[in-house]
Amino acid sequence: SDDAHMQRCPLYTNFDDIPTIFGKVSAVMFAAGCVI
């Protein structure tokens, strides 16, 4: 299928799906770092 890669390697589209509290905090911090 054309979207096979996205099916096998999806993004965390929901913040609650990001595993562990450390994972959530690190994702927010790294995203903020990228924007800045």
Full PDB file with SEQRES, HELIX, SHEET, SSBOND, CRYST1, ORIGX, SCALE, CONECT and MASTER records, all heavy atoms in Angstrom:
SEQRES   1 A   36  SER ASP ASP ALA HIS MET GLN ARG CYS PRO LEU TYR THR          
SEQRES   2 A   36  ASN PHE ASP ASP ILE PRO THR ILE PHE GLY LYS VAL SER          
SEQRES   3 A   36  ALA VAL MET PHE ALA ALA GLY CYS VAL ILE                      
HELIX    1 AA1 ALA A    4  ARG A    8  1                                   5    
HELIX    2 AA2 PHE A   15  ASP A   17  5                                   3    
HELIX    3 AA3 ILE A   21  VAL A   35  1                                  15    
CRYST1    1.000    1.000    1.000  90.00  90.00  90.00 P 1           1          
ORIGX1      1.000000  0.000000  0.000000        0.00000                         
ORIGX2      0.000000  1.000000  0.000000        0.00000                         
ORIGX3      0.000000  0.000000  1.000000        0.00000                         
SCALE1      1.000000  0.000000  0.000000        0.00000                         
SCALE2      0.000000  1.000000  0.000000        0.00000                         
SCALE3      0.000000  0.000000  1.000000        0.00000                         
ATOM      1  N   SER A   1       0.850  -1.190   0.000  1.00  0.00           N  
ATOM      2  CA  SER A   1       0.000   0.000   0.000  1.00  0.00           C  
ATOM      3  C   SER A   1       0.884   1.237   0.000  1.00  0.00           C  
ATOM      4  O   SER A   1       2.016   1.213   0.470  1.00  0.00           O  
ATOM      5  CB  SER A   1      -0.924   0.011   1.219  1.00  0.00           C  
ATOM      6  OG  SER A   1      -0.169  -0.003   2.418  1.00  0.00           O  
ATOM      7  N   ASP A   2       0.344   2.342  -0.535  1.00  0.00           N  
ATOM      8  CA  ASP A   2       1.135   3.564  -0.669  1.00  0.00           C  
ATOM      9  C   ASP A   2       1.570   4.127   0.679  1.00  0.00           C  
ATOM     10  O   ASP A   2       2.635   4.716   0.798  1.00  0.00           O  
ATOM     11  CB  ASP A   2       0.333   4.629  -1.434  1.00  0.00           C  
ATOM     12  CG  ASP A   2       0.093   4.227  -2.875  1.00  0.00           C  
ATOM     13  OD1 ASP A   2       0.900   3.428  -3.397  1.00  0.00           O  
ATOM     14  OD2 ASP A   2      -0.890   4.691  -3.466  1.00  0.00           O  
ATOM     15  N   ASP A   3       0.720   3.970   1.693  1.00  0.00           N  
ATOM     16  CA  ASP A   3       1.040   4.527   3.000  1.00  0.00           C  
ATOM     17  C   ASP A   3       1.556   3.463   3.962  1.00  0.00           C  
ATOM     18  O   ASP A   3       1.407   3.589   5.178  1.00  0.00           O  
ATOM     19  CB  ASP A   3      -0.181   5.221   3.598  1.00  0.00           C  
ATOM     20  CG  ASP A   3      -1.356   4.264   3.781  1.00  0.00           C  
ATOM     21  OD1 ASP A   3      -1.308   3.158   3.198  1.00  0.00           O  
ATOM     22  OD2 ASP A   3      -2.301   4.632   4.501  1.00  0.00           O  
ATOM     23  N   ALA A   4       2.184   2.426   3.405  1.00  0.00           N  
ATOM     24  CA  ALA A   4       2.662   1.324   4.246  1.00  0.00           C  
ATOM     25  C   ALA A   4       3.666   1.806   5.283  1.00  0.00           C  
ATOM     26  O   ALA A   4       3.659   1.357   6.426  1.00  0.00           O  
ATOM     27  CB  ALA A   4       3.296   0.231   3.378  1.00  0.00           C  
ATOM     28  N   HIS A   5       4.532   2.748   4.900  1.00  0.00           N  
ATOM     29  CA  HIS A   5       5.542   3.234   5.836  1.00  0.00           C  
ATOM     30  C   HIS A   5       4.888   3.928   7.019  1.00  0.00           C  
ATOM     31  O   HIS A   5       5.268   3.716   8.170  1.00  0.00           O  
ATOM     32  CB  HIS A   5       6.508   4.188   5.142  1.00  0.00           C  
ATOM     33  CG  HIS A   5       7.487   4.825   6.084  1.00  0.00           C  
ATOM     34  ND1 HIS A   5       8.542   4.131   6.622  1.00  0.00           N  
ATOM     35  CD2 HIS A   5       7.547   6.076   6.610  1.00  0.00           C  
ATOM     36  CE1 HIS A   5       9.222   4.923   7.430  1.00  0.00           C  
ATOM     37  NE2 HIS A   5       8.635   6.108   7.440  1.00  0.00           N  
ATOM     38  N   MET A   6       3.881   4.758   6.748  1.00  0.00           N  
ATOM     39  CA  MET A   6       3.216   5.459   7.833  1.00  0.00           C  
ATOM     40  C   MET A   6       2.409   4.506   8.702  1.00  0.00           C  
ATOM     41  O   MET A   6       2.183   4.758   9.878  1.00  0.00           O  
ATOM     42  CB  MET A   6       2.315   6.565   7.274  1.00  0.00           C  
ATOM     43  CG  MET A   6       3.075   7.717   6.654  1.00  0.00           C  
ATOM     44  SD  MET A   6       4.313   8.429   7.790  1.00  0.00           S  
ATOM     45  CE  MET A   6       3.272   9.012   9.109  1.00  0.00           C  
ATOM     46  N   GLN A   7       1.953   3.397   8.125  1.00  0.00           N  
ATOM     47  CA  GLN A   7       1.251   2.401   8.922  1.00  0.00           C  
ATOM     48  C   GLN A   7       2.226   1.690   9.856  1.00  0.00           C  
ATOM     49  O   GLN A   7       1.895   1.377  10.994  1.00  0.00           O  
ATOM     50  CB  GLN A   7       0.568   1.374   8.016  1.00  0.00           C  
ATOM     51  CG  GLN A   7      -0.595   1.935   7.206  1.00  0.00           C  
ATOM     52  CD  GLN A   7      -1.229   0.878   6.337  1.00  0.00           C  
ATOM     53  OE1 GLN A   7      -1.104  -0.311   6.601  1.00  0.00           O  
ATOM     54  NE2 GLN A   7      -1.909   1.310   5.284  1.00  0.00           N  
ATOM     55  N   ARG A   8       3.421   1.421   9.372  1.00  0.00           N  
ATOM     56  CA  ARG A   8       4.401   0.686  10.165  1.00  0.00           C  
ATOM     57  C   ARG A   8       5.172   1.607  11.095  1.00  0.00           C  
ATOM     58  O   ARG A   8       5.637   1.174  12.145  1.00  0.00           O  
ATOM     59  CB  ARG A   8       5.374  -0.055   9.234  1.00  0.00           C  
ATOM     60  CG  ARG A   8       6.083  -1.223   9.913  1.00  0.00           C  
ATOM     61  CD  ARG A   8       6.985  -1.946   8.947  1.00  0.00           C  
ATOM     62  NE  ARG A   8       8.269  -1.294   8.792  1.00  0.00           N  
ATOM     63  CZ  ARG A   8       9.296  -1.448   9.616  1.00  0.00           C  
ATOM     64  NH1 ARG A   8       9.174  -2.206  10.674  1.00  0.00           N  
ATOM     65  NH2 ARG A   8      10.433  -0.843   9.395  1.00  0.00           N  
ATOM     66  N   CYS A   9       5.350   2.845  10.705  1.00  0.00           N  
ATOM     67  CA  CYS A   9       6.121   3.799  11.502  1.00  0.00           C  
ATOM     68  C   CYS A   9       5.305   5.067  11.746  1.00  0.00           C  
ATOM     69  O   CYS A   9       5.594   6.129  11.176  1.00  0.00           O  
ATOM     70  CB  CYS A   9       7.428   4.152  10.800  1.00  0.00           C  
ATOM     71  SG  CYS A   9       8.517   2.747  10.481  1.00  0.00           S  
ATOM     72  N   PRO A  10       4.267   4.971  12.570  1.00  0.00           N  
ATOM     73  CA  PRO A  10       3.402   6.140  12.796  1.00  0.00           C  
ATOM     74  C   PRO A  10       4.011   7.143  13.771  1.00  0.00           C  
ATOM     75  O   PRO A  10       4.871   6.801  14.582  1.00  0.00           O  
ATOM     76  CB  PRO A  10       2.128   5.512  13.380  1.00  0.00           C  
ATOM     77  CG  PRO A  10       2.636   4.307  14.113  1.00  0.00           C  
ATOM     78  CD  PRO A  10       3.797   3.784  13.305  1.00  0.00           C  
ATOM     79  N   LEU A  11       3.534   8.369  13.679  1.00  0.00           N  
ATOM     80  CA  LEU A  11       3.892   9.408  14.640  1.00  0.00           C  
ATOM     81  C   LEU A  11       2.950   9.315  15.847  1.00  0.00           C  
ATOM     82  O   LEU A  11       1.837   8.795  15.741  1.00  0.00           O  
ATOM     83  CB  LEU A  11       3.766  10.791  14.010  1.00  0.00           C  
ATOM     84  CG  LEU A  11       4.755  11.161  12.904  1.00  0.00           C  
ATOM     85  CD1 LEU A  11       4.327  12.476  12.250  1.00  0.00           C  
ATOM     86  CD2 LEU A  11       6.167  11.291  13.457  1.00  0.00           C  
ATOM     87  N   TYR A  12       3.409   9.817  16.973  1.00  0.00           N  
ATOM     88  CA  TYR A  12       2.521   9.953  18.121  1.00  0.00           C  
ATOM     89  C   TYR A  12       1.651  11.182  17.874  1.00  0.00           C  
ATOM     90  O   TYR A  12       2.047  12.309  18.164  1.00  0.00           O  
ATOM     91  CB  TYR A  12       3.325  10.124  19.412  1.00  0.00           C  
ATOM     92  CG  TYR A  12       4.105   8.908  19.838  1.00  0.00           C  
ATOM     93  CD1 TYR A  12       5.491   8.938  19.913  1.00  0.00           C  
ATOM     94  CD2 TYR A  12       3.459   7.721  20.178  1.00  0.00           C  
ATOM     95  CE1 TYR A  12       6.222   7.823  20.316  1.00  0.00           C  
ATOM     96  CE2 TYR A  12       4.173   6.595  20.580  1.00  0.00           C  
ATOM     97  CZ  TYR A  12       5.551   6.665  20.652  1.00  0.00           C  
ATOM     98  OH  TYR A  12       6.256   5.563  21.044  1.00  0.00           O  
ATOM     99  N   THR A  13       0.469  10.980  17.334  1.00  0.00           N  
ATOM    100  CA  THR A  13      -0.417  12.102  17.027  1.00  0.00           C  
ATOM    101  C   THR A  13      -1.182  12.574  18.254  1.00  0.00           C  
ATOM    102  O   THR A  13      -1.744  13.665  18.259  1.00  0.00           O  
ATOM    103  CB  THR A  13      -1.406  11.721  15.923  1.00  0.00           C  
ATOM    104  OG1 THR A  13      -2.114  10.527  16.312  1.00  0.00           O  
ATOM    105  CG2 THR A  13      -0.665  11.449  14.607  1.00  0.00           C  
ATOM    106  N   ASN A  14      -1.220  11.751  19.276  1.00  0.00           N  
ATOM    107  CA  ASN A  14      -1.878  12.103  20.532  1.00  0.00           C  
ATOM    108  C   ASN A  14      -0.825  12.190  21.623  1.00  0.00           C  
ATOM    109  O   ASN A  14      -0.044  11.256  21.806  1.00  0.00           O  
ATOM    110  CB  ASN A  14      -2.943  11.051  20.878  1.00  0.00           C  
ATOM    111  CG  ASN A  14      -3.829  11.483  22.028  1.00  0.00           C  
ATOM    112  OD1 ASN A  14      -3.392  12.205  22.935  1.00  0.00           O  
ATOM    113  ND2 ASN A  14      -5.081  11.054  22.007  1.00  0.00           N  
ATOM    114  N   PHE A  15      -0.810  13.292  22.339  1.00  0.00           N  
ATOM    115  CA  PHE A  15       0.200  13.491  23.374  1.00  0.00           C  
ATOM    116  C   PHE A  15       0.157  12.385  24.417  1.00  0.00           C  
ATOM    117  O   PHE A  15       1.191  11.959  24.939  1.00  0.00           O  
ATOM    118  CB  PHE A  15       0.006  14.856  24.042  1.00  0.00           C  
ATOM    119  CG  PHE A  15       1.038  15.184  25.086  1.00  0.00           C  
ATOM    120  CD1 PHE A  15       2.328  15.529  24.715  1.00  0.00           C  
ATOM    121  CD2 PHE A  15       0.716  15.142  26.435  1.00  0.00           C  
ATOM    122  CE1 PHE A  15       3.287  15.835  25.675  1.00  0.00           C  
ATOM    123  CE2 PHE A  15       1.673  15.441  27.397  1.00  0.00           C  
ATOM    124  CZ  PHE A  15       2.951  15.781  27.009  1.00  0.00           C  
ATOM    125  N   ASP A  16      -1.038  11.887  24.727  1.00  0.00           N  
ATOM    126  CA  ASP A  16      -1.179  10.827  25.731  1.00  0.00           C  
ATOM    127  C   ASP A  16      -0.565   9.511  25.273  1.00  0.00           C  
ATOM    128  O   ASP A  16      -0.297   8.635  26.102  1.00  0.00           O  
ATOM    129  CB  ASP A  16      -2.656  10.614  26.071  1.00  0.00           C  
ATOM    130  CG  ASP A  16      -3.257  11.802  26.802  1.00  0.00           C  
ATOM    131  OD1 ASP A  16      -2.490  12.526  27.473  1.00  0.00           O  
ATOM    132  OD2 ASP A  16      -4.477  12.011  26.694  1.00  0.00           O  
ATOM    133  N   ASP A  17      -0.367   9.353  23.956  1.00  0.00           N  
ATOM    134  CA  ASP A  17       0.210   8.111  23.434  1.00  0.00           C  
ATOM    135  C   ASP A  17       1.718   8.026  23.662  1.00  0.00           C  
ATOM    136  O   ASP A  17       2.295   6.945  23.572  1.00  0.00           O  
ATOM    137  CB  ASP A  17      -0.081   7.973  21.932  1.00  0.00           C  
ATOM    138  CG  ASP A  17      -1.566   7.755  21.655  1.00  0.00           C  
ATOM    139  OD1 ASP A  17      -2.266   7.290  22.576  1.00  0.00           O  
ATOM    140  OD2 ASP A  17      -2.004   8.071  20.532  1.00  0.00           O  
ATOM    141  N   ILE A  18       2.360   9.158  23.909  1.00  0.00           N  
ATOM    142  CA  ILE A  18       3.801   9.144  24.150  1.00  0.00           C  
ATOM    143  C   ILE A  18       4.063   8.413  25.469  1.00  0.00           C  
ATOM    144  O   ILE A  18       3.531   8.795  26.506  1.00  0.00           O  
ATOM    145  CB  ILE A  18       4.373  10.569  24.218  1.00  0.00           C  
ATOM    146  CG1 ILE A  18       4.102  11.321  22.912  1.00  0.00           C  
ATOM    147  CG2 ILE A  18       5.868  10.541  24.518  1.00  0.00           C  
ATOM    148  CD1 ILE A  18       4.549  12.760  22.928  1.00  0.00           C  
ATOM    149  N   PRO A  19       4.845   7.339  25.437  1.00  0.00           N  
ATOM    150  CA  PRO A  19       5.032   6.535  26.647  1.00  0.00           C  
ATOM    151  C   PRO A  19       5.919   7.221  27.687  1.00  0.00           C  
ATOM    152  O   PRO A  19       6.858   7.936  27.332  1.00  0.00           O  
ATOM    153  CB  PRO A  19       5.691   5.260  26.112  1.00  0.00           C  
ATOM    154  CG  PRO A  19       6.390   5.690  24.865  1.00  0.00           C  
ATOM    155  CD  PRO A  19       5.552   6.786  24.272  1.00  0.00           C  
ATOM    156  N   THR A  20       5.630   6.996  28.940  1.00  0.00           N  
ATOM    157  CA  THR A  20       6.356   7.459  30.133  1.00  0.00           C  
ATOM    158  C   THR A  20       6.274   8.979  30.295  1.00  0.00           C  
ATOM    159  O   THR A  20       6.238   9.734  29.312  1.00  0.00           O  
ATOM    160  CB  THR A  20       7.839   7.039  30.140  1.00  0.00           C  
ATOM    161  OG1 THR A  20       8.594   7.900  29.305  1.00  0.00           O  
ATOM    162  CG2 THR A  20       7.998   5.596  29.699  1.00  0.00           C  
ATOM    163  N   ILE A  21       6.270   9.406  31.539  1.00  0.00           N  
ATOM    164  CA  ILE A  21       6.239  10.838  31.830  1.00  0.00           C  
ATOM    165  C   ILE A  21       7.527  11.507  31.387  1.00  0.00           C  
ATOM    166  O   ILE A  21       7.523  12.643  30.894  1.00  0.00           O  
ATOM    167  CB  ILE A  21       5.999  11.069  33.348  1.00  0.00           C  
ATOM    168  CG1 ILE A  21       5.853  12.565  33.639  1.00  0.00           C  
ATOM    169  CG2 ILE A  21       7.112  10.453  34.178  1.00  0.00           C  
ATOM    170  CD1 ILE A  21       4.665  13.217  32.974  1.00  0.00           C  
ATOM    171  N   PHE A  22       8.654  10.794  31.512  1.00  0.00           N  
ATOM    172  CA  PHE A  22       9.922  11.335  31.023  1.00  0.00           C  
ATOM    173  C   PHE A  22       9.872  11.538  29.513  1.00  0.00           C  
ATOM    174  O   PHE A  22      10.402  12.518  28.985  1.00  0.00           O  
ATOM    175  CB  PHE A  22      11.080  10.406  31.383  1.00  0.00           C  
ATOM    176  CG  PHE A  22      11.510  10.503  32.820  1.00  0.00           C  
ATOM    177  CD1 PHE A  22      12.299   9.509  33.395  1.00  0.00           C  
ATOM    178  CD2 PHE A  22      11.142  11.574  33.608  1.00  0.00           C  
ATOM    179  CE1 PHE A  22      12.699   9.589  34.720  1.00  0.00           C  
ATOM    180  CE2 PHE A  22      11.530  11.679  34.934  1.00  0.00           C  
ATOM    181  CZ  PHE A  22      12.314  10.676  35.498  1.00  0.00           C  
ATOM    182  N   GLY A  23       9.239  10.583  28.818  1.00  0.00           N  
ATOM    183  CA  GLY A  23       9.117  10.693  27.366  1.00  0.00           C  
ATOM    184  C   GLY A  23       8.297  11.901  26.958  1.00  0.00           C  
ATOM    185  O   GLY A  23       8.639  12.591  25.987  1.00  0.00           O  
ATOM    186  N   LYS A  24       7.223  12.155  27.670  1.00  0.00           N  
ATOM    187  CA  LYS A  24       6.375  13.312  27.369  1.00  0.00           C  
ATOM    188  C   LYS A  24       7.138  14.618  27.600  1.00  0.00           C  
ATOM    189  O   LYS A  24       7.099  15.534  26.763  1.00  0.00           O  
ATOM    190  CB  LYS A  24       5.115  13.282  28.244  1.00  0.00           C  
ATOM    191  CG  LYS A  24       4.121  12.181  27.886  1.00  0.00           C  
ATOM    192  CD  LYS A  24       2.934  12.200  28.822  1.00  0.00           C  
ATOM    193  CE  LYS A  24       1.814  11.284  28.366  1.00  0.00           C  
ATOM    194  NZ  LYS A  24       2.217   9.858  28.319  1.00  0.00           N  
ATOM    195  N   VAL A  25       7.816  14.703  28.742  1.00  0.00           N  
ATOM    196  CA  VAL A  25       8.559  15.924  29.050  1.00  0.00           C  
ATOM    197  C   VAL A  25       9.687  16.145  28.041  1.00  0.00           C  
ATOM    198  O   VAL A  25       9.910  17.266  27.561  1.00  0.00           O  
ATOM    199  CB  VAL A  25       9.125  15.866  30.484  1.00  0.00           C  
ATOM    200  CG1 VAL A  25      10.020  17.070  30.759  1.00  0.00           C  
ATOM    201  CG2 VAL A  25       7.991  15.806  31.500  1.00  0.00           C  
ATOM    202  N   SER A  26      10.399  15.069  27.703  1.00  0.00           N  
ATOM    203  CA  SER A  26      11.519  15.197  26.754  1.00  0.00           C  
ATOM    204  C   SER A  26      11.023  15.607  25.375  1.00  0.00           C  
ATOM    205  O   SER A  26      11.673  16.409  24.688  1.00  0.00           O  
ATOM    206  CB  SER A  26      12.302  13.878  26.671  1.00  0.00           C  
ATOM    207  OG  SER A  26      11.504  12.839  26.124  1.00  0.00           O  
ATOM    208  N   ALA A  27       9.855  15.092  24.959  1.00  0.00           N  
ATOM    209  CA  ALA A  27       9.304  15.468  23.650  1.00  0.00           C  
ATOM    210  C   ALA A  27       8.948  16.951  23.621  1.00  0.00           C  
ATOM    211  O   ALA A  27       9.233  17.658  22.640  1.00  0.00           O  
ATOM    212  CB  ALA A  27       8.079  14.622  23.332  1.00  0.00           C  
ATOM    213  N   VAL A  28       8.334  17.438  24.693  1.00  0.00           N  
ATOM    214  CA  VAL A  28       7.968  18.861  24.763  1.00  0.00           C  
ATOM    215  C   VAL A  28       9.225  19.734  24.762  1.00  0.00           C  
ATOM    216  O   VAL A  28       9.302  20.737  24.039  1.00  0.00           O  
ATOM    217  CB  VAL A  28       7.118  19.132  26.022  1.00  0.00           C  
ATOM    218  CG1 VAL A  28       6.925  20.637  26.215  1.00  0.00           C  
ATOM    219  CG2 VAL A  28       5.771  18.441  25.910  1.00  0.00           C  
ATOM    220  N   MET A  29      10.219  19.340  25.551  1.00  0.00           N  
ATOM    221  CA  MET A  29      11.441  20.140  25.648  1.00  0.00           C  
ATOM    222  C   MET A  29      12.201  20.150  24.329  1.00  0.00           C  
ATOM    223  O   MET A  29      12.659  21.212  23.874  1.00  0.00           O  
ATOM    224  CB  MET A  29      12.331  19.588  26.770  1.00  0.00           C  
ATOM    225  CG  MET A  29      11.779  19.788  28.164  1.00  0.00           C  
ATOM    226  SD  MET A  29      12.906  19.208  29.452  1.00  0.00           S  
ATOM    227  CE  MET A  29      14.266  20.358  29.270  1.00  0.00           C  
ATOM    228  N   PHE A  30      12.328  18.987  23.689  1.00  0.00           N  
ATOM    229  CA  PHE A  30      13.084  18.923  22.431  1.00  0.00           C  
ATOM    230  C   PHE A  30      12.348  19.689  21.334  1.00  0.00           C  
ATOM    231  O   PHE A  30      12.972  20.360  20.508  1.00  0.00           O  
ATOM    232  CB  PHE A  30      13.300  17.464  22.015  1.00  0.00           C  
ATOM    233  CG  PHE A  30      14.472  17.270  21.106  1.00  0.00           C  
ATOM    234  CD1 PHE A  30      15.739  17.018  21.618  1.00  0.00           C  
ATOM    235  CD2 PHE A  30      14.330  17.340  19.727  1.00  0.00           C  
ATOM    236  CE1 PHE A  30      16.825  16.846  20.782  1.00  0.00           C  
ATOM    237  CE2 PHE A  30      15.412  17.162  18.879  1.00  0.00           C  
ATOM    238  CZ  PHE A  30      16.662  16.917  19.412  1.00  0.00           C  
ATOM    239  N   ALA A  31      11.013  19.594  21.321  1.00  0.00           N  
ATOM    240  CA  ALA A  31      10.235  20.345  20.332  1.00  0.00           C  
ATOM    241  C   ALA A  31      10.418  21.847  20.545  1.00  0.00           C  
ATOM    242  O   ALA A  31      10.592  22.603  19.582  1.00  0.00           O  
ATOM    243  CB  ALA A  31       8.763  19.963  20.439  1.00  0.00           C  
ATOM    244  N   ALA A  32      10.378  22.269  21.807  1.00  0.00           N  
ATOM    245  CA  ALA A  32      10.595  23.691  22.111  1.00  0.00           C  
ATOM    246  C   ALA A  32      11.990  24.121  21.678  1.00  0.00           C  
ATOM    247  O   ALA A  32      12.177  25.210  21.114  1.00  0.00           O  
ATOM    248  CB  ALA A  32      10.395  23.945  23.609  1.00  0.00           C  
ATOM    249  N   GLY A  33      12.979  23.254  21.926  1.00  0.00           N  
ATOM    250  CA  GLY A  33      14.342  23.563  21.505  1.00  0.00           C  
ATOM    251  C   GLY A  33      14.459  23.721  20.004  1.00  0.00           C  
ATOM    252  O   GLY A  33      15.140  24.631  19.510  1.00  0.00           O  
ATOM    253  N   CYS A  34      13.761  22.855  19.255  1.00  0.00           N  
ATOM    254  CA  CYS A  34      13.798  22.938  17.790  1.00  0.00           C  
ATOM    255  C   CYS A  34      13.168  24.244  17.301  1.00  0.00           C  
ATOM    256  O   CYS A  34      13.686  24.892  16.381  1.00  0.00           O  
ATOM    257  CB  CYS A  34      13.066  21.742  17.175  1.00  0.00           C  
ATOM    258  SG  CYS A  34      13.917  20.157  17.351  1.00  0.00           S  
ATOM    259  N   VAL A  35      12.047  24.629  17.910  1.00  0.00           N  
ATOM    260  CA  VAL A  35      11.380  25.867  17.504  1.00  0.00           C  
ATOM    261  C   VAL A  35      12.267  27.076  17.789  1.00  0.00           C  
ATOM    262  O   VAL A  35      12.429  27.974  16.940  1.00  0.00           O  
ATOM    263  CB  VAL A  35      10.025  26.014  18.234  1.00  0.00           C  
ATOM    264  CG1 VAL A  35       9.426  27.393  17.975  1.00  0.00           C  
ATOM    265  CG2 VAL A  35       9.059  24.932  17.778  1.00  0.00           C  
ATOM    266  N   ILE A  36      12.859  27.114  18.974  1.00  0.00           N  
ATOM    267  CA  ILE A  36      13.727  28.246  19.331  1.00  0.00           C  
ATOM    268  C   ILE A  36      14.965  28.271  18.440  1.00  0.00           C  
ATOM    269  O   ILE A  36      15.430  29.346  18.029  1.00  0.00           O  
ATOM    270  CB  ILE A  36      14.123  28.165  20.814  1.00  0.00           C  
ATOM    271  CG1 ILE A  36      12.887  28.250  21.699  1.00  0.00           C  
ATOM    272  CG2 ILE A  36      15.082  29.303  21.183  1.00  0.00           C  
ATOM    273  CD1 ILE A  36      13.163  28.030  23.172  1.00  0.00           C  
TER     274      ILE A  36                                                      
MASTER        0    0    0    3    0    0    0    6  273    1    0    3          
END                                                                             
